[in-house]
């Protein structure tokens, strides 16, 4: 059974930092692709960052480039999202997600071109809230 559990959310002032962590069980991230999505209030959920180490692919939404860094620790089977210089518009529920096992090659083209597509990701965590005050 695949489970993803996010942690690390909280409330910070603009310019601050948070580090989100996604603990994955039932699936080895060493051969998987994992993405972070966020769902701001009143807006649609969007892909923020993604990583697929086997293909040396990382993706960042334009709004977070230069501020967020996605990384993975294969020994701990976790995928982290370091968020620096946070802005109020980064406030959202953040989710990590992974496709069905073996499905990452099929989403690679989309991942490289437009980023993670929600419909390609089958397993989702429960989310962690990030609130950035001005």
Protein backbone atom coordinates (compact mmCIF):
# COMPACT_ATOMS: atom_id res chain seq x y z
CA UNK A 1 0.00 0.00 0.00
CA UNK A 2 1.48 3.31 -1.09
CA UNK A 3 1.24 6.19 1.35
CA UNK A 4 2.57 9.74 1.19
CA UNK A 5 2.68 11.88 4.31
CA UNK A 6 3.57 15.57 4.19
CA UNK A 7 5.01 17.54 7.07
CA UNK A 8 6.73 20.86 7.70
CA UNK A 9 4.00 23.34 6.93
CA UNK A 10 3.31 26.33 9.15
CA UNK A 11 2.91 30.08 9.35
CA UNK A 12 5.75 32.43 8.48
CA UNK A 13 6.21 36.05 7.55
CA UNK A 14 7.04 37.12 4.03
CA UNK A 15 10.70 36.51 3.28
CA UNK A 16 10.86 33.53 5.60
CA UNK A 17 11.58 29.89 4.82
CA UNK A 18 9.95 26.53 5.33
CA UNK A 19 11.03 23.01 4.44
CA UNK A 20 8.30 20.56 3.52
CA UNK A 21 8.95 16.85 3.62
CA UNK A 22 7.06 14.02 1.94
CA UNK A 23 7.60 10.61 3.51
CA UNK A 24 6.81 7.85 1.04
CA UNK A 25 6.07 4.23 1.92
CA UNK A 26 5.19 1.30 -0.32
CA UNK A 27 7.06 2.85 -3.25
CA UNK A 28 10.78 3.38 -3.80
CA UNK A 29 11.39 6.98 -4.82
CA UNK A 30 14.76 5.97 -6.25
CA UNK A 31 12.93 4.84 -9.38
CA UNK A 32 9.85 7.05 -9.12
CA UNK A 33 8.85 10.60 -9.96
CA UNK A 34 7.30 12.72 -7.23
CA UNK A 35 5.67 16.10 -7.47
CA UNK A 36 4.56 18.84 -5.13
CA UNK A 37 1.27 20.57 -5.86
CA UNK A 38 -0.42 23.44 -4.04
CA UNK A 39 -4.02 24.53 -3.76
CA UNK A 40 -4.42 28.20 -2.87
CA UNK A 41 -7.81 29.27 -1.50
CA UNK A 42 -10.21 30.11 -4.28
CA UNK A 43 -7.86 28.93 -6.99
CA UNK A 44 -7.13 25.72 -8.85
CA UNK A 45 -4.49 23.29 -7.68
CA UNK A 46 -1.20 23.72 -9.53
CA UNK A 47 2.04 21.82 -9.87
CA UNK A 48 4.85 23.55 -8.02
CA UNK A 49 7.85 21.26 -8.45
CA UNK A 50 8.68 17.73 -9.51
CA UNK A 51 11.66 15.43 -9.54
CA UNK A 52 12.51 12.32 -11.55
CA UNK A 53 16.07 11.41 -10.67
CA UNK A 54 16.39 8.48 -13.10
CA UNK A 55 15.91 10.91 -15.99
CA UNK A 56 17.73 13.82 -14.29
CA UNK A 57 14.56 15.89 -14.51
CA UNK A 58 13.42 18.59 -12.15
CA UNK A 59 10.59 20.98 -12.79
CA UNK A 60 9.66 24.27 -11.13
CA UNK A 61 6.67 26.47 -11.72
CA UNK A 62 7.79 29.88 -12.97
CA UNK A 63 6.46 31.54 -9.83
CA UNK A 64 8.84 29.59 -7.57
CA UNK A 65 11.99 29.35 -9.68
CA UNK A 66 15.01 30.55 -7.75
CA UNK A 67 13.15 30.32 -4.43
CA UNK A 68 12.10 26.66 -4.10
CA UNK A 69 14.31 23.59 -4.34
CA UNK A 70 13.08 20.02 -4.61
CA UNK A 71 15.31 17.17 -3.50
CA UNK A 72 15.04 13.55 -2.54
CA UNK A 73 16.74 11.30 -0.01
CA UNK A 74 16.64 7.73 -1.27
CA UNK A 75 17.88 6.33 2.04
CA UNK A 76 14.99 7.94 3.91
CA UNK A 77 12.58 7.61 0.96
CA UNK A 78 11.57 11.24 1.30
CA UNK A 79 11.15 14.13 -1.09
CA UNK A 80 11.68 17.59 0.36
CA UNK A 81 10.70 21.04 -0.83
CA UNK A 82 12.87 23.84 0.50
CA UNK A 83 10.98 27.11 0.22
CA UNK A 84 12.88 30.35 0.65
CA UNK A 85 11.87 34.00 0.34
CA UNK A 86 8.25 33.05 0.80
CA UNK A 87 5.55 35.40 -0.42
CA UNK A 88 1.91 35.77 0.66
CA UNK A 89 0.86 34.30 -2.69
CA UNK A 90 2.64 31.07 -1.73
CA UNK A 91 -0.01 30.47 0.92
CA UNK A 92 -1.79 27.23 0.12
CA UNK A 93 -2.31 23.62 1.07
CA UNK A 94 0.69 21.73 -0.28
CA UNK A 95 0.44 18.13 -1.42
CA UNK A 96 2.98 15.60 -2.62
CA UNK A 97 1.94 13.02 -5.16
CA UNK A 98 3.26 10.09 -7.15
CA UNK A 99 2.01 8.18 -10.21
CA UNK A 100 1.26 4.48 -10.22
CA UNK A 101 4.40 2.37 -10.02
CA UNK A 102 6.12 2.18 -13.39
CA UNK A 103 4.12 5.04 -14.84
CA UNK A 104 6.81 7.74 -14.61
CA UNK A 105 8.25 7.16 -18.11
CA UNK A 106 4.77 7.79 -19.52
CA UNK A 107 4.52 11.20 -17.85
CA UNK A 108 8.08 12.25 -18.60
CA UNK A 109 7.24 14.25 -21.72
CA UNK A 110 4.53 16.21 -19.93
CA UNK A 111 6.76 16.69 -16.92
CA UNK A 112 9.49 18.22 -19.09
CA UNK A 113 7.20 20.45 -21.13
CA UNK A 114 4.45 21.80 -18.89
CA UNK A 115 5.15 20.27 -15.52
CA UNK A 116 3.22 17.75 -13.44
CA UNK A 117 -0.35 17.12 -14.54
CA UNK A 118 -2.74 16.22 -11.73
CA UNK A 119 -4.42 13.43 -13.68
CA UNK A 120 -1.08 11.63 -14.06
CA UNK A 121 -0.59 11.34 -10.30
CA UNK A 122 -2.51 8.59 -8.55
CA UNK A 123 -1.20 8.63 -4.97
CA UNK A 124 -1.63 11.78 -2.87
CA UNK A 125 -0.82 12.82 0.64
CA UNK A 126 -3.23 14.56 2.97
CA UNK A 127 -1.56 17.94 2.56
CA UNK A 128 0.21 20.41 4.80
CA UNK A 129 -0.83 24.04 5.18
CA UNK A 130 1.54 26.90 4.41
CA UNK A 131 0.51 30.41 5.41
CA UNK A 132 2.66 33.43 4.59
CA UNK A 133 1.75 36.77 6.11
CA UNK A 134 2.83 40.13 4.74
